C-alpha cells in the first residue's frame, strides 16, 4: 500500500465565544438561503464554569429529648 503524504496540521484553539458566534453566523446564512427564518435562541450560552466551593455550616446535632 502506498503511504499518503500527510501534511502536519496546525493546532487551532478557539474560545467558546468564537465557536458560538460561528454557529450563529452559519445559522443566519442558512436561514437566508432557505428563505425562511430559523429561530436562533440564545441557548443560555455559558462558558464552562469554574468549580466553586460552597461553605456550609455543620448541622447542629439532633438532641434526643427524654420522654417523661
C-alpha atoms as a PDB file:
ATOM      1  CA  UNK A   1       0.000   0.000   0.000  1.00  0.00           C
ATOM      2  CA  UNK A   2       1.142   3.495  -0.769  1.00  0.00           C
ATOM      3  CA  UNK A   3       1.535   5.910   2.070  1.00  0.00           C
ATOM      4  CA  UNK A   4      -0.188   9.217   1.557  1.00  0.00           C
ATOM      5  CA  UNK A   5       1.846  12.336   2.085  1.00  0.00           C
ATOM      6  CA  UNK A   6       0.488  13.794   5.261  1.00  0.00           C
ATOM      7  CA  UNK A   7       0.805  17.493   5.857  1.00  0.00           C
ATOM      8  CA  UNK A   8       1.024  18.288   9.543  1.00  0.00           C
ATOM      9  CA  UNK A   9      -1.911  20.401  10.571  1.00  0.00           C
ATOM     10  CA  UNK A  10      -1.546  23.257  12.985  1.00  0.00           C
ATOM     11  CA  UNK A  11      -3.458  23.121  16.221  1.00  0.00           C
ATOM     12  CA  UNK A  12      -6.015  25.880  16.403  1.00  0.00           C
ATOM     13  CA  UNK A  13      -7.634  26.824  19.659  1.00  0.00           C
ATOM     14  CA  UNK A  14     -10.889  28.736  19.589  1.00  0.00           C
ATOM     15  CA  UNK A  15     -12.721  30.107  22.559  1.00  0.00           C
ATOM     16  CA  UNK A  16     -16.269  29.051  23.361  1.00  0.00           C
ATOM     17  CA  UNK A  17     -17.496  32.526  22.469  1.00  0.00           C
ATOM     18  CA  UNK A  18     -15.927  32.258  18.999  1.00  0.00           C
ATOM     19  CA  UNK A  19     -17.472  28.829  18.432  1.00  0.00           C
ATOM     20  CA  UNK A  20     -20.857  30.154  19.495  1.00  0.00           C
ATOM     21  CA  UNK A  21     -20.533  33.139  17.152  1.00  0.00           C
ATOM     22  CA  UNK A  22     -19.549  30.868  14.236  1.00  0.00           C
ATOM     23  CA  UNK A  23     -22.658  28.738  14.783  1.00  0.00           C
ATOM     24  CA  UNK A  24     -24.822  31.853  14.936  1.00  0.00           C
ATOM     25  CA  UNK A  25     -23.408  33.197  11.663  1.00  0.00           C
ATOM     26  CA  UNK A  26     -23.838  29.894   9.837  1.00  0.00           C
ATOM     27  CA  UNK A  27     -27.437  29.590  11.041  1.00  0.00           C
ATOM     28  CA  UNK A  28     -28.277  33.086   9.832  1.00  0.00           C
ATOM     29  CA  UNK A  29     -26.704  32.378   6.402  1.00  0.00           C
ATOM     30  CA  UNK A  30     -28.651  29.139   6.161  1.00  0.00           C
ATOM     31  CA  UNK A  31     -31.921  30.841   7.020  1.00  0.00           C
ATOM     32  CA  UNK A  32     -31.294  33.406   4.244  1.00  0.00           C
ATOM     33  CA  UNK A  33     -30.593  30.645   1.705  1.00  0.00           C
ATOM     34  CA  UNK A  34     -33.684  28.662   2.658  1.00  0.00           C
ATOM     35  CA  UNK A  35     -35.874  31.741   2.583  1.00  0.00           C
ATOM     36  CA  UNK A  36     -37.484  31.319   5.964  1.00  0.00           C
ATOM     37  CA  UNK A  37     -36.209  32.380   9.357  1.00  0.00           C
ATOM     38  CA  UNK A  38     -34.593  29.868  11.648  1.00  0.00           C
ATOM     39  CA  UNK A  39     -35.200  30.815  15.240  1.00  0.00           C
ATOM     40  CA  UNK A  40     -31.862  31.458  16.878  1.00  0.00           C
ATOM     41  CA  UNK A  41     -32.197  31.262  20.616  1.00  0.00           C
ATOM     42  CA  UNK A  42     -29.535  32.443  22.979  1.00  0.00           C
ATOM     43  CA  UNK A  43     -29.298  28.826  24.158  1.00  0.00           C
ATOM     44  CA  UNK A  44     -28.315  30.194  27.566  1.00  0.00           C
ATOM     45  CA  UNK A  45     -24.709  30.237  26.452  1.00  0.00           C
ATOM     46  CA  UNK A  46     -22.342  29.989  29.362  1.00  0.00           C
ATOM     47  CA  UNK A  47     -18.702  29.016  29.154  1.00  0.00           C
ATOM     48  CA  UNK A  48     -17.749  26.127  31.429  1.00  0.00           C
ATOM     49  CA  UNK A  49     -17.995  27.356  34.995  1.00  0.00           C
ATOM     50  CA  UNK A  50     -15.102  27.117  37.350  1.00  0.00           C
ATOM     51  CA  UNK A  51     -15.813  24.889  40.278  1.00  0.00           C
ATOM     52  CA  UNK A  52     -16.940  26.914  43.231  1.00  0.00           C
ATOM     53  CA  UNK A  53     -16.897  25.741  46.785  1.00  0.00           C
ATOM     54  CA  UNK A  54     -19.957  26.334  48.881  1.00  0.00           C
ATOM     55  CA  UNK A  55     -19.346  26.826  52.552  1.00  0.00           C
ATOM     56  CA  UNK A  56     -21.974  25.275  54.765  1.00  0.00           C
ATOM     57  CA  UNK A  57     -22.364  25.392  58.491  1.00  0.00           C
ATOM     58  CA  UNK A  58     -22.365  21.993  60.117  1.00  0.00           C
ATOM     59  CA  UNK A  59     -25.800  20.928  61.230  1.00  0.00           C
ATOM     60  CA  UNK A  60     -26.405  21.028  64.937  1.00  0.00           C
ATOM     61  CA  UNK A  61     -26.535  17.548  66.434  1.00  0.00           C
ATOM     62  CA  UNK A  62     -30.007  16.159  66.981  1.00  0.00           C
ATOM     63  CA  UNK A  63     -30.758  16.011  70.677  1.00  0.00           C
ATOM     64  CA  UNK A  64     -32.952  13.228  71.963  1.00  0.00           C
ATOM     65  CA  UNK A  65     -35.463  14.638  74.393  1.00  0.00           C
ATOM     66  CA  UNK A  66     -36.232  12.447  77.356  1.00  0.00           C
ATOM     67  CA  UNK A  67     -39.857  11.409  77.492  1.00  0.00           C
ATOM     68  CA  UNK A  68     -41.442  11.819  80.911  1.00  0.00           C
END
